[in-house]
């Protein structure tokens, strides 16, 4: 399929897709449909009162690949905390215990291998441990380059600067689309970014299936990042 949003070249095979804005669309097995009053289509999220990850897997169909490309679009619900728990819990630095508010894309098992993360920050103007590490003036103390994540992530918030963050879905500012990146968050959406698309070249070739995990650092009732668009290609 056309790889214009990946590397500008062909040869890509789509192995994963859902778009909840389309009539009749359903969430893949492992994710739960969520309905909100301030958005006109359902979203896919985690089970209520679960502070772990909801998971779904997309088969490589036995194809050998070493390049992965895709996109995710999600939304902020209530007080999402980016890497706050990850920074404070030594066990969460292990990919199997990835306590982050957002989406984790991995391949393989025992252990999983990181491909990309889409993470939600508390508010666009924050600089503390609840902020996106890419925010200007970030002081949360987390050096992602020293972790398995490295630079292979996107982070955005749906809450405007100084806005009171309440128990709502922030539907007017979707996450990870590279738009409405205001205040200190502007550095998270550089002009040369492909957001919402990511591209990753792996170190070795593999036939691993690819796992999509929607993770929350606390119970789903207080914070999560439901998604409505997901697309995944390999080459």
Protein backbone atom coordinates (compact mmCIF):
# COMPACT_ATOMS: atom_id res chain seq x y z
CA UNK A 1 0.00 0.00 0.00
CA UNK A 2 1.02 3.64 -0.40
CA UNK A 3 3.67 4.65 2.13
CA UNK A 4 3.35 8.39 1.60
CA UNK A 5 2.78 8.94 5.33
CA UNK A 6 5.61 6.58 6.31
CA UNK A 7 8.78 7.04 4.30
CA UNK A 8 7.36 8.35 1.04
CA UNK A 9 8.00 5.02 -0.65
CA UNK A 10 5.89 1.96 -1.46
CA UNK A 11 6.11 -1.63 -0.30
CA UNK A 12 4.10 -1.24 2.92
CA UNK A 13 1.51 -3.76 4.13
CA UNK A 14 -1.30 -2.64 6.40
CA UNK A 15 -1.75 -5.07 9.29
CA UNK A 16 -3.92 -3.05 11.67
CA UNK A 17 -6.77 -0.57 11.33
CA UNK A 18 -9.84 0.81 13.04
CA UNK A 19 -11.62 4.12 12.65
CA UNK A 20 -14.47 4.74 15.06
CA UNK A 21 -15.66 7.80 13.11
CA UNK A 22 -16.95 5.42 10.43
CA UNK A 23 -20.50 4.11 10.64
CA UNK A 24 -20.68 0.60 12.08
CA UNK A 25 -17.08 0.56 13.31
CA UNK A 26 -16.29 -1.56 16.37
CA UNK A 27 -13.38 -1.73 18.78
CA UNK A 28 -10.95 -4.62 18.29
CA UNK A 29 -10.99 -7.52 20.73
CA UNK A 30 -9.44 -6.50 24.05
CA UNK A 31 -10.55 -2.87 23.92
CA UNK A 32 -13.85 -1.58 25.29
CA UNK A 33 -16.24 0.79 23.52
CA UNK A 34 -16.70 4.10 25.35
CA UNK A 35 -19.49 6.59 24.71
CA UNK A 36 -19.30 10.26 25.67
CA UNK A 37 -21.92 12.98 25.38
CA UNK A 38 -19.61 15.60 23.85
CA UNK A 39 -18.34 13.63 20.85
CA UNK A 40 -20.42 12.20 18.02
CA UNK A 41 -18.84 8.75 17.79
CA UNK A 42 -17.71 6.02 20.22
CA UNK A 43 -14.11 5.60 21.33
CA UNK A 44 -12.05 2.56 22.32
CA UNK A 45 -10.64 2.38 25.83
CA UNK A 46 -9.93 0.29 28.90
CA UNK A 47 -12.22 -1.59 31.27
CA UNK A 48 -13.65 0.51 34.11
CA UNK A 49 -11.64 0.67 37.35
CA UNK A 50 -8.57 -0.91 35.81
CA UNK A 51 -5.22 0.80 36.37
CA UNK A 52 -3.31 -1.42 34.02
CA UNK A 53 -3.36 -1.85 30.25
CA UNK A 54 -6.01 -3.07 27.83
CA UNK A 55 -4.41 -4.95 24.97
CA UNK A 56 -5.14 -6.02 21.41
CA UNK A 57 -2.80 -7.73 18.96
CA UNK A 58 -2.39 -7.35 15.21
CA UNK A 59 -0.91 -10.25 13.27
CA UNK A 60 2.04 -9.80 10.95
CA UNK A 61 0.62 -12.73 8.97
CA UNK A 62 4.08 -14.25 9.00
CA UNK A 63 5.61 -11.40 7.02
CA UNK A 64 9.21 -10.48 7.76
CA UNK A 65 9.71 -6.78 8.49
CA UNK A 66 12.11 -4.33 10.08
CA UNK A 67 10.17 -1.10 9.55
CA UNK A 68 6.94 -0.07 11.27
CA UNK A 69 4.73 2.92 10.58
CA UNK A 70 1.33 4.03 11.80
CA UNK A 71 -0.89 6.59 13.43
CA UNK A 72 -2.99 6.90 16.58
CA UNK A 73 -5.51 9.55 17.56
CA UNK A 74 -6.84 9.76 21.09
CA UNK A 75 -8.36 12.10 23.66
CA UNK A 76 -7.69 13.24 27.19
CA UNK A 77 -10.17 12.19 29.85
CA UNK A 78 -9.72 13.96 33.19
CA UNK A 79 -6.29 14.21 34.82
CA UNK A 80 -3.83 12.21 32.76
CA UNK A 81 -0.29 12.29 34.13
CA UNK A 82 2.09 11.49 31.26
CA UNK A 83 5.15 9.67 32.71
CA UNK A 84 4.50 10.68 36.35
CA UNK A 85 4.19 7.13 37.70
CA UNK A 86 6.88 5.86 35.33
CA UNK A 87 9.37 8.33 36.78
CA UNK A 88 8.50 7.51 40.39
CA UNK A 89 8.20 3.72 40.30
CA UNK A 90 11.38 1.74 39.65
CA UNK A 91 9.34 -1.27 38.54
CA UNK A 92 7.57 0.76 35.86
CA UNK A 93 10.86 1.29 34.04
CA UNK A 94 10.48 -2.32 32.91
CA UNK A 95 8.46 -2.47 29.70
CA UNK A 96 6.20 -5.18 31.15
CA UNK A 97 5.10 -2.71 33.88
CA UNK A 98 4.65 0.33 31.69
CA UNK A 99 2.60 2.60 33.98
CA UNK A 100 2.03 5.55 31.66
CA UNK A 101 -1.09 7.41 30.61
CA UNK A 102 -1.36 6.68 26.92
CA UNK A 103 -0.72 4.11 24.22
CA UNK A 104 2.14 1.63 23.94
CA UNK A 105 3.00 -0.13 20.66
CA UNK A 106 5.33 -3.12 20.98
CA UNK A 107 6.36 -6.33 19.26
CA UNK A 108 7.44 -9.68 20.65
CA UNK A 109 7.13 -11.04 24.18
CA UNK A 110 9.21 -11.97 27.24
CA UNK A 111 10.11 -9.18 27.05
CA UNK A 112 8.09 -6.96 24.77
CA UNK A 113 10.13 -4.66 22.55
CA UNK A 114 9.25 -0.99 22.33
CA UNK A 115 8.22 0.51 19.00
CA UNK A 116 6.41 3.76 19.87
CA UNK A 117 4.40 5.42 22.64
CA UNK A 118 1.64 8.01 22.43
CA UNK A 119 1.42 9.74 25.82
CA UNK A 120 -1.00 12.26 27.34
CA UNK A 121 0.12 15.16 29.54
CA UNK A 122 -1.86 16.87 32.30
CA UNK A 123 -2.04 20.33 30.71
CA UNK A 124 -0.25 22.24 27.97
CA UNK A 125 1.50 24.67 30.33
CA UNK A 126 2.78 22.19 32.93
CA UNK A 127 6.50 21.51 33.47
CA UNK A 128 6.45 19.11 36.45
CA UNK A 129 6.35 15.30 36.55
CA UNK A 130 2.81 15.31 35.15
CA UNK A 131 3.86 17.25 32.05
CA UNK A 132 5.05 16.02 28.68
CA UNK A 133 8.87 15.77 28.81
CA UNK A 134 9.01 17.61 25.48
CA UNK A 135 7.36 20.71 27.01
CA UNK A 136 9.57 23.80 27.15
CA UNK A 137 11.10 24.12 30.62
CA UNK A 138 10.26 20.54 31.65
CA UNK A 139 11.51 19.97 35.21
CA UNK A 140 10.12 16.50 35.91
CA UNK A 141 13.57 14.95 36.12
CA UNK A 142 12.92 12.10 33.67
CA UNK A 143 15.51 11.53 30.95
CA UNK A 144 13.74 9.34 28.40
CA UNK A 145 16.93 8.93 26.39
CA UNK A 146 18.22 6.81 29.27
CA UNK A 147 15.21 4.46 29.01
CA UNK A 148 13.89 1.98 26.45
CA UNK A 149 11.59 4.74 25.15
CA UNK A 150 14.31 7.08 23.90
CA UNK A 151 12.94 9.57 21.38
CA UNK A 152 10.35 7.11 20.10
CA UNK A 153 7.23 8.75 21.51
CA UNK A 154 4.76 11.59 21.06
CA UNK A 155 3.21 13.51 23.94
CA UNK A 156 0.37 16.04 23.98
CA UNK A 157 -2.31 17.37 26.32
CA UNK A 158 -5.91 18.18 25.49
CA UNK A 159 -6.26 20.73 28.31
CA UNK A 160 -5.44 24.38 27.58
CA UNK A 161 -3.06 26.48 29.70
CA UNK A 162 -4.47 27.43 33.15
CA UNK A 163 -7.66 25.49 32.33
CA UNK A 164 -9.24 23.72 35.29
CA UNK A 165 -8.88 19.99 34.55
CA UNK A 166 -12.17 18.30 35.39
CA UNK A 167 -13.75 14.89 34.81
CA UNK A 168 -14.51 15.50 31.16
CA UNK A 169 -13.43 14.28 27.75
CA UNK A 170 -11.40 17.02 26.05
CA UNK A 171 -12.95 16.39 22.65
CA UNK A 172 -12.03 19.66 20.93
CA UNK A 173 -8.27 19.07 21.08
CA UNK A 174 -7.44 15.50 19.99
CA UNK A 175 -4.13 14.09 21.17
CA UNK A 176 -1.09 13.41 18.98
CA UNK A 177 -2.36 15.10 15.83
CA UNK A 178 0.26 17.85 16.02
CA UNK A 179 -2.42 20.55 16.17
CA UNK A 180 -3.33 23.08 18.88
CA UNK A 181 0.03 22.61 20.58
CA UNK A 182 -0.03 25.82 22.57
CA UNK A 183 2.11 27.46 25.22
CA UNK A 184 4.96 25.23 26.51
CA UNK A 185 3.64 22.29 24.49
CA UNK A 186 4.64 23.87 21.17
CA UNK A 187 8.01 22.08 21.30
CA UNK A 188 6.18 18.72 21.34
CA UNK A 189 4.85 19.39 17.84
CA UNK A 190 7.82 20.62 15.76
CA UNK A 191 7.21 21.77 12.20
CA UNK A 192 9.12 18.79 10.76
CA UNK A 193 7.08 16.22 12.72
CA UNK A 194 4.95 13.66 10.89
CA UNK A 195 2.37 13.66 13.72
CA UNK A 196 0.08 11.78 14.07
CA UNK A 197 2.21 9.36 12.02
CA UNK A 198 5.26 7.61 13.43
CA UNK A 199 8.01 5.72 11.64
CA UNK A 200 10.43 3.29 13.28
CA UNK A 201 13.27 1.27 11.80
CA UNK A 202 13.96 -1.78 13.97
CA UNK A 203 17.42 -3.13 14.75
CA UNK A 204 16.66 -6.58 13.34
CA UNK A 205 14.14 -8.24 11.07
CA UNK A 206 11.23 -10.03 12.71
CA UNK A 207 7.89 -11.72 12.07
CA UNK A 208 6.50 -10.75 15.50
CA UNK A 209 2.88 -9.77 15.88
CA UNK A 210 2.38 -6.19 17.08
CA UNK A 211 0.56 -5.31 20.30
CA UNK A 212 -1.40 -2.14 20.98
CA UNK A 213 -1.85 -1.37 24.69
CA UNK A 214 -3.98 1.40 26.15
CA UNK A 215 -2.51 2.10 29.58
CA UNK A 216 -3.52 4.13 32.61
CA UNK A 217 -1.50 4.96 35.70
CA UNK A 218 -4.65 5.08 37.83
CA UNK A 219 -8.20 3.72 37.63
CA UNK A 220 -10.06 4.29 34.37
CA UNK A 221 -12.66 6.33 36.24
CA UNK A 222 -10.17 9.12 36.91
CA UNK A 223 -7.86 9.21 33.89
CA UNK A 224 -7.40 7.52 30.56
CA UNK A 225 -6.78 8.24 26.88
CA UNK A 226 -9.43 6.53 24.72
CA UNK A 227 -8.67 6.39 20.99
CA UNK A 228 -10.72 6.52 17.81
CA UNK A 229 -8.22 6.07 14.97
CA UNK A 230 -5.45 3.49 14.64
CA UNK A 231 -3.54 2.42 11.55
CA UNK A 232 -0.45 0.20 11.32
CA UNK A 233 1.89 -0.77 8.48
CA UNK A 234 4.98 -2.97 8.23
CA UNK A 235 7.71 -3.39 5.61
